[in-house]
Amino acid sequence: PISLSDSLRNWSKITKGGGDAIRRTLGTVGTNSPVYALRSALKSLVARQASDPELIDIVEVIDSNLAQADLLAYSSVYATASGMACADEGAEEGSVGRRKCEQMYFDKART
């Protein structure tokens, strides 16, 4: 399995596989990703260190970011099928830049 950091460095290669490839990398689909057990491990860590509010905050941010990336990758599957176009947030001010929603979801899932 490819590591999460390698996946981020090779994002365009991962996204060629679509939203489910991103979800497999995140460990939210299948069990081959090294990230698969991350959520469980973090919950276990918090259970052992419940008195550490800073740790709890960090774990909540990680969990929230994983959930958001998974949602965006999942949404991209349907955006592809619909052929929807979304406003391009990177377009110059005043222009009506459009791009495929799928790519927007891929970009946001990476961040």
PDB file of N, CA and C in Angstrom:
ATOM      1  N   PRO A   1       0.829  -1.199   0.000  1.00  0.00           N
ATOM      2  CA  PRO A   1       0.000   0.000   0.000  1.00  0.00           C
ATOM      3  C   PRO A   1       0.872   1.262   0.000  1.00  0.00           C
ATOM      4  N   ILE A   2       0.362   2.280  -0.620  1.00  0.00           N
ATOM      5  CA  ILE A   2       1.066   3.556  -0.702  1.00  0.00           C
ATOM      6  C   ILE A   2       0.744   4.393   0.542  1.00  0.00           C
ATOM      7  N   SER A   3       1.744   5.112   1.045  1.00  0.00           N
ATOM      8  CA  SER A   3       1.530   5.922   2.244  1.00  0.00           C
ATOM      9  C   SER A   3       0.717   7.166   1.902  1.00  0.00           C
ATOM     10  N   LEU A   4       0.151   7.768   2.924  1.00  0.00           N
ATOM     11  CA  LEU A   4      -0.635   8.987   2.730  1.00  0.00           C
ATOM     12  C   LEU A   4       0.245  10.110   2.195  1.00  0.00           C
ATOM     13  N   SER A   5       1.460  10.251   2.716  1.00  0.00           N
ATOM     14  CA  SER A   5       2.338  11.320   2.238  1.00  0.00           C
ATOM     15  C   SER A   5       2.724  11.103   0.775  1.00  0.00           C
ATOM     16  N   ASP A   6       2.972   9.848   0.370  1.00  0.00           N
ATOM     17  CA  ASP A   6       3.253   9.561  -1.042  1.00  0.00           C
ATOM     18  C   ASP A   6       2.038   9.873  -1.906  1.00  0.00           C
ATOM     19  N   SER A   7       0.858   9.580  -1.387  1.00  0.00           N
ATOM     20  CA  SER A   7      -0.371   9.866  -2.121  1.00  0.00           C
ATOM     21  C   SER A   7      -0.526  11.365  -2.355  1.00  0.00           C
ATOM     22  N   LEU A   8      -0.224  12.154  -1.344  1.00  0.00           N
ATOM     23  CA  LEU A   8      -0.342  13.608  -1.483  1.00  0.00           C
ATOM     24  C   LEU A   8       0.672  14.151  -2.483  1.00  0.00           C
ATOM     25  N   ARG A   9       1.872  13.568  -2.490  1.00  0.00           N
ATOM     26  CA  ARG A   9       2.888  13.995  -3.454  1.00  0.00           C
ATOM     27  C   ARG A   9       2.505  13.609  -4.884  1.00  0.00           C
ATOM     28  N   ASN A  10       1.763  12.535  -5.032  1.00  0.00           N
ATOM     29  CA  ASN A  10       1.359  12.033  -6.348  1.00  0.00           C
ATOM     30  C   ASN A  10      -0.149  12.148  -6.535  1.00  0.00           C
ATOM     31  N   TRP A  11      -0.713  13.253  -6.092  1.00  0.00           N
ATOM     32  CA  TRP A  11      -2.163  13.435  -6.059  1.00  0.00           C
ATOM     33  C   TRP A  11      -2.810  13.228  -7.420  1.00  0.00           C
ATOM     34  N   SER A  12      -2.196  13.753  -8.475  1.00  0.00           N
ATOM     35  CA  SER A  12      -2.808  13.633  -9.802  1.00  0.00           C
ATOM     36  C   SER A  12      -2.919  12.162 -10.217  1.00  0.00           C
ATOM     37  N   LYS A  13      -1.965  11.355  -9.804  1.00  0.00           N
ATOM     38  CA  LYS A  13      -2.024   9.919 -10.104  1.00  0.00           C
ATOM     39  C   LYS A  13      -3.181   9.264  -9.342  1.00  0.00           C
ATOM     40  N   ILE A  14      -3.359   9.629  -8.085  1.00  0.00           N
ATOM     41  CA  ILE A  14      -4.435   9.073  -7.267  1.00  0.00           C
ATOM     42  C   ILE A  14      -5.794   9.475  -7.840  1.00  0.00           C
ATOM     43  N   THR A  15      -5.942  10.747  -8.215  1.00  0.00           N
ATOM     44  CA  THR A  15      -7.238  11.231  -8.682  1.00  0.00           C
ATOM     45  C   THR A  15      -7.644  10.627 -10.025  1.00  0.00           C
ATOM     46  N   LYS A  16      -6.690  10.107 -10.770  1.00  0.00           N
ATOM     47  CA  LYS A  16      -7.041   9.440 -12.031  1.00  0.00           C
ATOM     48  C   LYS A  16      -7.949   8.241 -11.770  1.00  0.00           C
ATOM     49  N   GLY A  17      -7.869   7.688 -10.567  1.00  0.00           N
ATOM     50  CA  GLY A  17      -8.720   6.569 -10.188  1.00  0.00           C
ATOM     51  C   GLY A  17     -10.084   7.003  -9.686  1.00  0.00           C
ATOM     52  N   GLY A  18     -10.324   8.310  -9.621  1.00  0.00           N
ATOM     53  CA  GLY A  18     -11.612   8.827  -9.190  1.00  0.00           C
ATOM     54  C   GLY A  18     -11.756   8.914  -7.679  1.00  0.00           C
ATOM     55  N   GLY A  19     -12.960   9.264  -7.270  1.00  0.00           N
ATOM     56  CA  GLY A  19     -13.252   9.471  -5.852  1.00  0.00           C
ATOM     57  C   GLY A  19     -13.025   8.240  -4.993  1.00  0.00           C
ATOM     58  N   ASP A  20     -13.343   7.072  -5.522  1.00  0.00           N
ATOM     59  CA  ASP A  20     -13.141   5.861  -4.721  1.00  0.00           C
ATOM     60  C   ASP A  20     -11.659   5.565  -4.508  1.00  0.00           C
ATOM     61  N   ALA A  21     -10.797   5.948  -5.444  1.00  0.00           N
ATOM     62  CA  ALA A  21      -9.351   5.777  -5.251  1.00  0.00           C
ATOM     63  C   ALA A  21      -8.873   6.672  -4.107  1.00  0.00           C
ATOM     64  N   ILE A  22      -9.426   7.874  -4.037  1.00  0.00           N
ATOM     65  CA  ILE A  22      -9.088   8.767  -2.927  1.00  0.00           C
ATOM     66  C   ILE A  22      -9.574   8.154  -1.618  1.00  0.00           C
ATOM     67  N   ARG A  23     -10.779   7.636  -1.624  1.00  0.00           N
ATOM     68  CA  ARG A  23     -11.345   7.040  -0.406  1.00  0.00           C
ATOM     69  C   ARG A  23     -10.553   5.809   0.027  1.00  0.00           C
ATOM     70  N   ARG A  24     -10.053   5.028  -0.936  1.00  0.00           N
ATOM     71  CA  ARG A  24      -9.203   3.879  -0.581  1.00  0.00           C
ATOM     72  C   ARG A  24      -7.906   4.363   0.057  1.00  0.00           C
ATOM     73  N   THR A  25      -7.352   5.463  -0.467  1.00  0.00           N
ATOM     74  CA  THR A  25      -6.132   6.035   0.097  1.00  0.00           C
ATOM     75  C   THR A  25      -6.377   6.539   1.518  1.00  0.00           C
ATOM     76  N   LEU A  26      -7.547   7.121   1.751  1.00  0.00           N
ATOM     77  CA  LEU A  26      -7.897   7.632   3.080  1.00  0.00           C
ATOM     78  C   LEU A  26      -8.246   6.517   4.062  1.00  0.00           C
ATOM     79  N   GLY A  27      -8.430   5.308   3.536  1.00  0.00           N
ATOM     80  CA  GLY A  27      -8.786   4.191   4.406  1.00  0.00           C
ATOM     81  C   GLY A  27     -10.260   4.136   4.752  1.00  0.00           C
ATOM     82  N   THR A  28     -11.089   4.903   4.044  1.00  0.00           N
ATOM     83  CA  THR A  28     -12.524   4.889   4.323  1.00  0.00           C
ATOM     84  C   THR A  28     -13.254   3.872   3.452  1.00  0.00           C
ATOM     85  N   VAL A  29     -12.573   3.339   2.447  1.00  0.00           N
ATOM     86  CA  VAL A  29     -13.087   2.248   1.616  1.00  0.00           C
ATOM     87  C   VAL A  29     -11.996   1.186   1.586  1.00  0.00           C
ATOM     88  N   GLY A  30     -12.321  -0.010   1.992  1.00  0.00           N
ATOM     89  CA  GLY A  30     -11.323  -1.075   2.018  1.00  0.00           C
ATOM     90  C   GLY A  30     -10.449  -1.009   3.262  1.00  0.00           C
ATOM     91  N   THR A  31      -9.537  -1.955   3.361  1.00  0.00           N
ATOM     92  CA  THR A  31      -8.678  -2.048   4.545  1.00  0.00           C
ATOM     93  C   THR A  31      -7.193  -2.065   4.205  1.00  0.00           C
ATOM     94  N   ASN A  32      -6.832  -1.763   2.962  1.00  0.00           N
ATOM     95  CA  ASN A  32      -5.429  -1.844   2.552  1.00  0.00           C
ATOM     96  C   ASN A  32      -4.607  -0.599   2.861  1.00  0.00           C
ATOM     97  N   SER A  33      -5.256   0.527   3.059  1.00  0.00           N
ATOM     98  CA  SER A  33      -4.530   1.773   3.308  1.00  0.00           C
ATOM     99  C   SER A  33      -3.931   1.774   4.713  1.00  0.00           C
ATOM    100  N   PRO A  34      -2.714   2.313   4.845  1.00  0.00           N
ATOM    101  CA  PRO A  34      -2.133   2.464   6.184  1.00  0.00           C
ATOM    102  C   PRO A  34      -2.971   3.393   7.068  1.00  0.00           C
ATOM    103  N   VAL A  35      -3.819   4.214   6.447  1.00  0.00           N
ATOM    104  CA  VAL A  35      -4.655   5.158   7.192  1.00  0.00           C
ATOM    105  C   VAL A  35      -5.912   4.473   7.742  1.00  0.00           C
ATOM    106  N   TYR A  36      -6.191   3.274   7.241  1.00  0.00           N
ATOM    107  CA  TYR A  36      -7.415   2.555   7.614  1.00  0.00           C
ATOM    108  C   TYR A  36      -7.635   2.523   9.126  1.00  0.00           C
ATOM    109  N   ALA A  37      -6.631   2.204   9.888  1.00  0.00           N
ATOM    110  CA  ALA A  37      -6.777   2.031  11.339  1.00  0.00           C
ATOM    111  C   ALA A  37      -6.520   3.320  12.119  1.00  0.00           C
ATOM    112  N   LEU A  38      -6.272   4.427  11.421  1.00  0.00           N
ATOM    113  CA  LEU A  38      -5.922   5.671  12.106  1.00  0.00           C
ATOM    114  C   LEU A  38      -7.015   6.142  13.058  1.00  0.00           C
ATOM    115  N   ARG A  39      -8.239   6.194  12.585  1.00  0.00           N
ATOM    116  CA  ARG A  39      -9.326   6.685  13.445  1.00  0.00           C
ATOM    117  C   ARG A  39      -9.462   5.846  14.713  1.00  0.00           C
ATOM    118  N   SER A  40      -9.395   4.549  14.552  1.00  0.00           N
ATOM    119  CA  SER A  40      -9.492   3.658  15.707  1.00  0.00           C
ATOM    120  C   SER A  40      -8.332   3.891  16.674  1.00  0.00           C
ATOM    121  N   ALA A  41      -7.143   4.048  16.130  1.00  0.00           N
ATOM    122  CA  ALA A  41      -5.966   4.288  16.973  1.00  0.00           C
ATOM    123  C   ALA A  41      -6.083   5.620  17.716  1.00  0.00           C
ATOM    124  N   LEU A  42      -6.576   6.636  17.031  1.00  0.00           N
ATOM    125  CA  LEU A  42      -6.733   7.941  17.671  1.00  0.00           C
ATOM    126  C   LEU A  42      -7.778   7.893  18.785  1.00  0.00           C
ATOM    127  N   LYS A  43      -8.868   7.190  18.550  1.00  0.00           N
ATOM    128  CA  LYS A  43      -9.895   7.055  19.593  1.00  0.00           C
ATOM    129  C   LYS A  43      -9.342   6.330  20.809  1.00  0.00           C
ATOM    130  N   SER A  44      -8.538   5.324  20.561  1.00  0.00           N
ATOM    131  CA  SER A  44      -7.915   4.585  21.652  1.00  0.00           C
ATOM    132  C   SER A  44      -6.955   5.480  22.435  1.00  0.00           C
ATOM    133  N   LEU A  45      -6.196   6.283  21.717  1.00  0.00           N
ATOM    134  CA  LEU A  45      -5.268   7.215  22.363  1.00  0.00           C
ATOM    135  C   LEU A  45      -6.016   8.225  23.229  1.00  0.00           C
ATOM    136  N   VAL A  46      -7.100   8.761  22.704  1.00  0.00           N
ATOM    137  CA  VAL A  46      -7.895   9.725  23.478  1.00  0.00           C
ATOM    138  C   VAL A  46      -8.489   9.063  24.721  1.00  0.00           C
ATOM    139  N   ALA A  47      -8.918   7.826  24.584  1.00  0.00           N
ATOM    140  CA  ALA A  47      -9.487   7.122  25.734  1.00  0.00           C
ATOM    141  C   ALA A  47      -8.448   6.976  26.853  1.00  0.00           C
ATOM    142  N   ARG A  48      -7.188   6.777  26.465  1.00  0.00           N
ATOM    143  CA  ARG A  48      -6.119   6.630  27.468  1.00  0.00           C
ATOM    144  C   ARG A  48      -5.647   7.975  28.011  1.00  0.00           C
ATOM    145  N   GLN A  49      -5.834   9.038  27.223  1.00  0.00           N
ATOM    146  CA  GLN A  49      -5.350  10.368  27.607  1.00  0.00           C
ATOM    147  C   GLN A  49      -6.511  11.364  27.673  1.00  0.00           C
ATOM    148  N   ALA A  50      -7.625  10.943  28.223  1.00  0.00           N
ATOM    149  CA  ALA A  50      -8.849  11.754  28.224  1.00  0.00           C
ATOM    150  C   ALA A  50      -8.695  13.088  28.943  1.00  0.00           C
ATOM    151  N   SER A  51      -7.683  13.217  29.766  1.00  0.00           N
ATOM    152  CA  SER A  51      -7.507  14.466  30.513  1.00  0.00           C
ATOM    153  C   SER A  51      -6.656  15.487  29.757  1.00  0.00           C
ATOM    154  N   ASP A  52      -6.264  15.177  28.532  1.00  0.00           N
ATOM    155  CA  ASP A  52      -5.415  16.080  27.752  1.00  0.00           C
ATOM    156  C   ASP A  52      -6.261  16.791  26.692  1.00  0.00           C
ATOM    157  N   PRO A  53      -6.759  18.012  27.010  1.00  0.00           N
ATOM    158  CA  PRO A  53      -7.641  18.708  26.078  1.00  0.00           C
ATOM    159  C   PRO A  53      -6.960  19.052  24.748  1.00  0.00           C
ATOM    160  N   GLU A  54      -5.668  19.298  24.770  1.00  0.00           N
ATOM    161  CA  GLU A  54      -4.954  19.619  23.532  1.00  0.00           C
ATOM    162  C   GLU A  54      -4.943  18.410  22.592  1.00  0.00           C
ATOM    163  N   LEU A  55      -4.698  17.245  23.140  1.00  0.00           N
ATOM    164  CA  LEU A  55      -4.713  16.018  22.343  1.00  0.00           C
ATOM    165  C   LEU A  55      -6.106  15.780  21.765  1.00  0.00           C
ATOM    166  N   ILE A  56      -7.119  15.969  22.588  1.00  0.00           N
ATOM    167  CA  ILE A  56      -8.503  15.771  22.130  1.00  0.00           C
ATOM    168  C   ILE A  56      -8.813  16.724  20.977  1.00  0.00           C
ATOM    169  N   ASP A  57      -8.376  17.978  21.082  1.00  0.00           N
ATOM    170  CA  ASP A  57      -8.603  18.951  20.005  1.00  0.00           C
ATOM    171  C   ASP A  57      -7.908  18.514  18.715  1.00  0.00           C
ATOM    172  N   ILE A  58      -6.678  18.058  18.821  1.00  0.00           N
ATOM    173  CA  ILE A  58      -5.913  17.615  17.644  1.00  0.00           C
ATOM    174  C   ILE A  58      -6.605  16.430  16.987  1.00  0.00           C
ATOM    175  N   VAL A  59      -7.041  15.474  17.784  1.00  0.00           N
ATOM    176  CA  VAL A  59      -7.714  14.288  17.254  1.00  0.00           C
ATOM    177  C   VAL A  59      -9.026  14.682  16.576  1.00  0.00           C
ATOM    178  N   GLU A  60      -9.756  15.611  17.166  1.00  0.00           N
ATOM    179  CA  GLU A  60     -11.011  16.065  16.556  1.00  0.00           C
ATOM    180  C   GLU A  60     -10.756  16.733  15.201  1.00  0.00           C
ATOM    181  N   VAL A  61      -9.690  17.504  15.087  1.00  0.00           N
ATOM    182  CA  VAL A  61      -9.356  18.157  13.818  1.00  0.00           C
ATOM    183  C   VAL A  61      -8.989  17.105  12.773  1.00  0.00           C
ATOM    184  N   ILE A  62      -8.175  16.141  13.151  1.00  0.00           N
ATOM    185  CA  ILE A  62      -7.787  15.067  12.218  1.00  0.00           C
ATOM    186  C   ILE A  62      -9.015  14.302  11.757  1.00  0.00           C
ATOM    187  N   ASP A  63      -9.858  13.922  12.693  1.00  0.00           N
ATOM    188  CA  ASP A  63     -11.065  13.160  12.361  1.00  0.00           C
ATOM    189  C   ASP A  63     -11.997  13.969  11.459  1.00  0.00           C
ATOM    190  N   SER A  64     -12.160  15.241  11.764  1.00  0.00           N
ATOM    191  CA  SER A  64     -13.010  16.106  10.958  1.00  0.00           C
ATOM    192  C   SER A  64     -12.454  16.255   9.538  1.00  0.00           C
ATOM    193  N   ASN A  65     -11.148  16.423   9.412  1.00  0.00           N
ATOM    194  CA  ASN A  65     -10.536  16.569   8.089  1.00  0.00           C
ATOM    195  C   ASN A  65     -10.654  15.285   7.278  1.00  0.00           C
ATOM    196  N   LEU A  66     -10.479  14.137   7.919  1.00  0.00           N
ATOM    197  CA  LEU A  66     -10.656  12.859   7.216  1.00  0.00           C
ATOM    198  C   LEU A  66     -12.103  12.700   6.743  1.00  0.00           C
ATOM    199  N   ALA A  67     -13.043  13.041   7.607  1.00  0.00           N
ATOM    200  CA  ALA A  67     -14.460  12.920   7.245  1.00  0.00           C
ATOM    201  C   ALA A  67     -14.797  13.859   6.084  1.00  0.00           C
ATOM    202  N   GLN A  68     -14.273  15.076   6.107  1.00  0.00           N
ATOM    203  CA  GLN A  68     -14.533  16.040   5.038  1.00  0.00           C
ATOM    204  C   GLN A  68     -13.918  15.567   3.719  1.00  0.00           C
ATOM    205  N   ALA A  69     -12.685  15.080   3.763  1.00  0.00           N
ATOM    206  CA  ALA A  69     -12.035  14.579   2.550  1.00  0.00           C
ATOM    207  C   ALA A  69     -12.802  13.393   1.987  1.00  0.00           C
ATOM    208  N   ASP A  70     -13.280  12.509   2.852  1.00  0.00           N
ATOM    209  CA  ASP A  70     -14.061  11.359   2.411  1.00  0.00           C
ATOM    210  C   ASP A  70     -15.365  11.812   1.753  1.00  0.00           C
ATOM    211  N   LEU A  71     -16.040  12.775   2.362  1.00  0.00           N
ATOM    212  CA  LEU A  71     -17.297  13.296   1.806  1.00  0.00           C
ATOM    213  C   LEU A  71     -17.071  13.916   0.425  1.00  0.00           C
ATOM    214  N   LEU A  72     -16.004  14.694   0.288  1.00  0.00           N
ATOM    215  CA  LEU A  72     -15.706  15.319  -0.994  1.00  0.00           C
ATOM    216  C   LEU A  72     -15.372  14.272  -2.056  1.00  0.00           C
ATOM    217  N   ALA A  73     -14.595  13.275  -1.677  1.00  0.00           N
ATOM    218  CA  ALA A  73     -14.251  12.212  -2.636  1.00  0.00           C
ATOM    219  C   ALA A  73     -15.504  11.434  -3.030  1.00  0.00           C
ATOM    220  N   TYR A  74     -16.352  11.150  -2.071  1.00  0.00           N
ATOM    221  CA  TYR A  74     -17.609  10.442  -2.343  1.00  0.00           C
ATOM    222  C   TYR A  74     -18.485  11.279  -3.279  1.00  0.00           C
ATOM    223  N   SER A  75     -18.572  12.585  -3.011  1.00  0.00           N
ATOM    224  CA  SER A  75     -19.382  13.480  -3.831  1.00  0.00           C
ATOM    225  C   SER A  75     -18.870  13.551  -5.261  1.00  0.00           C
ATOM    226  N   SER A  76     -17.573  13.425  -5.430  1.00  0.00           N
ATOM    227  CA  SER A  76     -16.999  13.513  -6.771  1.00  0.00           C
ATOM    228  C   SER A  76     -17.498  12.391  -7.672  1.00  0.00           C
ATOM    229  N   VAL A  77     -17.824  11.255  -7.084  1.00  0.00           N
ATOM    230  CA  VAL A  77     -18.333  10.125  -7.865  1.00  0.00           C
ATOM    231  C   VAL A  77     -19.630  10.541  -8.566  1.00  0.00           C
ATOM    232  N   TYR A  78     -20.487  11.253  -7.867  1.00  0.00           N
ATOM    233  CA  TYR A  78     -21.767  11.674  -8.434  1.00  0.00           C
ATOM    234  C   TYR A  78     -21.618  12.897  -9.328  1.00  0.00           C
ATOM    235  N   ALA A  79     -20.659  13.752  -9.017  1.00  0.00           N
ATOM    236  CA  ALA A  79     -20.419  14.924  -9.859  1.00  0.00           C
ATOM    237  C   ALA A  79     -19.934  14.482 -11.235  1.00  0.00           C
ATOM    238  N   THR A  80     -19.133  13.438 -11.278  1.00  0.00           N
ATOM    239  CA  THR A  80     -18.638  12.910 -12.547  1.00  0.00           C
ATOM    240  C   THR A  80     -19.793  12.402 -13.391  1.00  0.00           C
ATOM    241  N   ALA A  81     -20.664  11.645 -12.778  1.00  0.00           N
ATOM    242  CA  ALA A  81     -21.787  11.055 -13.504  1.00  0.00           C
ATOM    243  C   ALA A  81     -22.745  12.123 -14.023  1.00  0.00           C
ATOM    244  N   SER A  82     -22.899  13.209 -13.282  1.00  0.00           N
ATOM    245  CA  SER A  82     -23.846  14.240 -13.687  1.00  0.00           C
ATOM    246  C   SER A  82     -23.260  15.206 -14.711  1.00  0.00           C
ATOM    247  N   GLY A  83     -21.933  15.285 -14.774  1.00  0.00           N
ATOM    248  CA  GLY A  83     -21.291  16.231 -15.681  1.00  0.00           C
ATOM    249  C   GLY A  83     -21.436  17.672 -15.233  1.00  0.00           C
ATOM    250  N   MET A  84     -21.760  17.889 -13.959  1.00  0.00           N
ATOM    251  CA  MET A  84     -21.959  19.236 -13.434  1.00  0.00           C
ATOM    252  C   MET A  84     -20.695  20.080 -13.580  1.00  0.00           C
ATOM    253  N   ALA A  85     -20.893  21.374 -13.717  1.00  0.00           N
ATOM    254  CA  ALA A  85     -19.789  22.324 -13.698  1.00  0.00           C
ATOM    255  C   ALA A  85     -19.974  23.222 -12.488  1.00  0.00           C
ATOM    256  N   CYS A  86     -18.883  23.584 -11.861  1.00  0.00           N
ATOM    257  CA  CYS A  86     -18.922  24.419 -10.664  1.00  0.00           C
ATOM    258  C   CYS A  86     -18.157  25.707 -10.923  1.00  0.00           C
ATOM    259  N   ALA A  87     -18.472  26.718 -10.141  1.00  0.00           N
ATOM    260  CA  ALA A  87     -17.722  27.967 -10.235  1.00  0.00           C
ATOM    261  C   ALA A  87     -16.277  27.689  -9.872  1.00  0.00           C
ATOM    262  N   ASP A  88     -15.366  28.256 -10.639  1.00  0.00           N
ATOM    263  CA  ASP A  88     -13.945  28.081 -10.392  1.00  0.00           C
ATOM    264  C   ASP A  88     -13.492  29.141  -9.404  1.00  0.00           C
ATOM    265  N   GLU A  89     -13.204  28.723  -8.189  1.00  0.00           N
ATOM    266  CA  GLU A  89     -12.811  29.667  -7.144  1.00  0.00           C
ATOM    267  C   GLU A  89     -11.479  30.335  -7.461  1.00  0.00           C
ATOM    268  N   GLY A  90     -10.683  29.737  -8.337  1.00  0.00           N
ATOM    269  CA  GLY A  90      -9.390  30.298  -8.693  1.00  0.00           C
ATOM    270  C   GLY A  90      -9.460  31.238  -9.876  1.00  0.00           C
ATOM    271  N   ALA A  91     -10.639  31.427 -10.453  1.00  0.00           N
ATOM    272  CA  ALA A  91     -10.781  32.293 -11.624  1.00  0.00           C
ATOM    273  C   ALA A  91     -10.590  33.751 -11.219  1.00  0.00           C
ATOM    274  N   GLU A  92     -10.167  34.557 -12.175  1.00  0.00           N
ATOM    275  CA  GLU A  92      -9.974  35.975 -11.910  1.00  0.00           C
ATOM    276  C   GLU A  92     -11.296  36.618 -11.500  1.00  0.00           C
ATOM    277  N   GLU A  93     -11.191  37.628 -10.661  1.00  0.00           N
ATOM    278  CA  GLU A  93     -12.395  38.318 -10.198  1.00  0.00           C
ATOM    279  C   GLU A  93     -13.168  38.895 -11.377  1.00  0.00           C
ATOM    280  N   GLY A  94     -14.460  38.702 -11.380  1.00  0.00           N
ATOM    281  CA  GLY A  94     -15.310  39.206 -12.439  1.00  0.00           C
ATOM    282  C   GLY A  94     -15.504  38.230 -13.590  1.00  0.00           C
ATOM    283  N   SER A  95     -14.658  37.197 -13.659  1.00  0.00           N
ATOM    284  CA  SER A  95     -14.827  36.214 -14.736  1.00  0.00           C
ATOM    285  C   SER A  95     -15.783  35.126 -14.264  1.00  0.00           C
ATOM    286  N   VAL A  96     -16.292  34.361 -15.182  1.00  0.00           N
ATOM    287  CA  VAL A  96     -17.226  33.296 -14.854  1.00  0.00           C
ATOM    288  C   VAL A  96     -16.523  31.969 -15.136  1.00  0.00           C
ATOM    289  N   GLY A  97     -15.433  31.744 -14.444  1.00  0.00           N
ATOM    290  CA  GLY A  97     -14.691  30.511 -14.650  1.00  0.00           C
ATOM    291  C   GLY A  97     -15.510  29.305 -14.219  1.00  0.00           C
ATOM    292  N   ARG A  98     -15.509  28.258 -15.025  1.00  0.00           N
ATOM    293  CA  ARG A  98     -16.232  27.038 -14.700  1.00  0.00           C
ATOM    294  C   ARG A  98     -15.270  25.873 -14.857  1.00  0.00           C
ATOM    295  N   ARG A  99     -15.426  24.877 -14.050  1.00  0.00           N
ATOM    296  CA  ARG A  99     -14.667  23.647 -14.190  1.00  0.00           C
ATOM    297  C   ARG A  99     -15.512  22.504 -13.689  1.00  0.00           C
ATOM    298  N   LYS A 100     -15.096  21.318 -13.975  1.00  0.00           N
ATOM    299  CA  LYS A 100     -15.852  20.159 -13.530  1.00  0.00           C
ATOM    300  C   LYS A 100     -15.849  20.099 -12.007  1.00  0.00           C
ATOM    301  N   CYS A 101     -17.004  19.814 -11.449  1.00  0.00           N
ATOM    302  CA  CYS A 101     -17.112  19.711  -9.991  1.00  0.00           C
ATOM    303  C   CYS A 101     -16.206  18.613  -9.456  1.00  0.00           C
ATOM    304  N   GLU A 102     -16.062  17.543 -10.219  1.00  0.00           N
ATOM    305  CA  GLU A 102     -15.211  16.443  -9.786  1.00  0.00           C
ATOM    306  C   GLU A 102     -13.821  16.957  -9.411  1.00  0.00           C
ATOM    307  N   GLN A 103     -13.220  17.771 -10.263  1.00  0.00           N
ATOM    308  CA  GLN A 103     -11.880  18.279  -9.991  1.00  0.00           C
ATOM    309  C   GLN A 103     -11.867  19.193  -8.778  1.00  0.00           C
ATOM    310  N   MET A 104     -12.911  19.996  -8.604  1.00  0.00           N
ATOM    311  CA  MET A 104     -13.000  20.848  -7.424  1.00  0.00           C
ATOM    312  C   MET A 104     -13.028  19.986  -6.154  1.00  0.00           C
ATOM    313  N   TYR A 105     -13.826  18.919  -6.180  1.00  0.00           N
ATOM    314  CA  TYR A 105     -13.885  18.024  -5.026  1.00  0.00           C
ATOM    315  C   TYR A 105     -12.533  17.369  -4.767  1.00  0.00           C
ATOM    316  N   PHE A 106     -11.833  16.950  -5.832  1.00  0.00           N
ATOM    317  CA  PHE A 106     -10.506  16.349  -5.670  1.00  0.00           C
ATOM    318  C   PHE A 106      -9.549  17.343  -5.003  1.00  0.00           C
ATOM    319  N   ASP A 107      -9.542  18.591  -5.481  1.00  0.00           N
ATOM    320  CA  ASP A 107      -8.645  19.593  -4.934  1.00  0.00           C
ATOM    321  C   ASP A 107      -8.941  19.873  -3.464  1.00  0.00           C
ATOM    322  N   LYS A 108     -10.226  19.978  -3.139  1.00  0.00           N
ATOM    323  CA  LYS A 108     -10.591  20.264  -1.751  1.00  0.00           C
ATOM    324  C   LYS A 108     -10.326  19.055  -0.849  1.00  0.00           C
ATOM    325  N   ALA A 109     -10.475  17.858  -1.368  1.00  0.00           N
ATOM    326  CA  ALA A 109     -10.210  16.658  -0.563  1.00  0.00           C
ATOM    327  C   ALA A 109      -8.735  16.582  -0.194  1.00  0.00           C
ATOM    328  N   ARG A 110      -7.872  17.094  -1.062  1.00  0.00           N
ATOM    329  CA  ARG A 110      -6.432  17.055  -0.802  1.00  0.00           C
ATOM    330  C   ARG A 110      -6.030  17.994   0.322  1.00  0.00           C
ATOM    331  N   THR A 111      -6.759  19.085   0.475  1.00  0.00           N
ATOM    332  CA  THR A 111      -6.402  20.060   1.500  1.00  0.00           C
ATOM    333  C   THR A 111      -7.088  19.691   2.779  1.00  0.00           C
TER     334      THR A 111
END
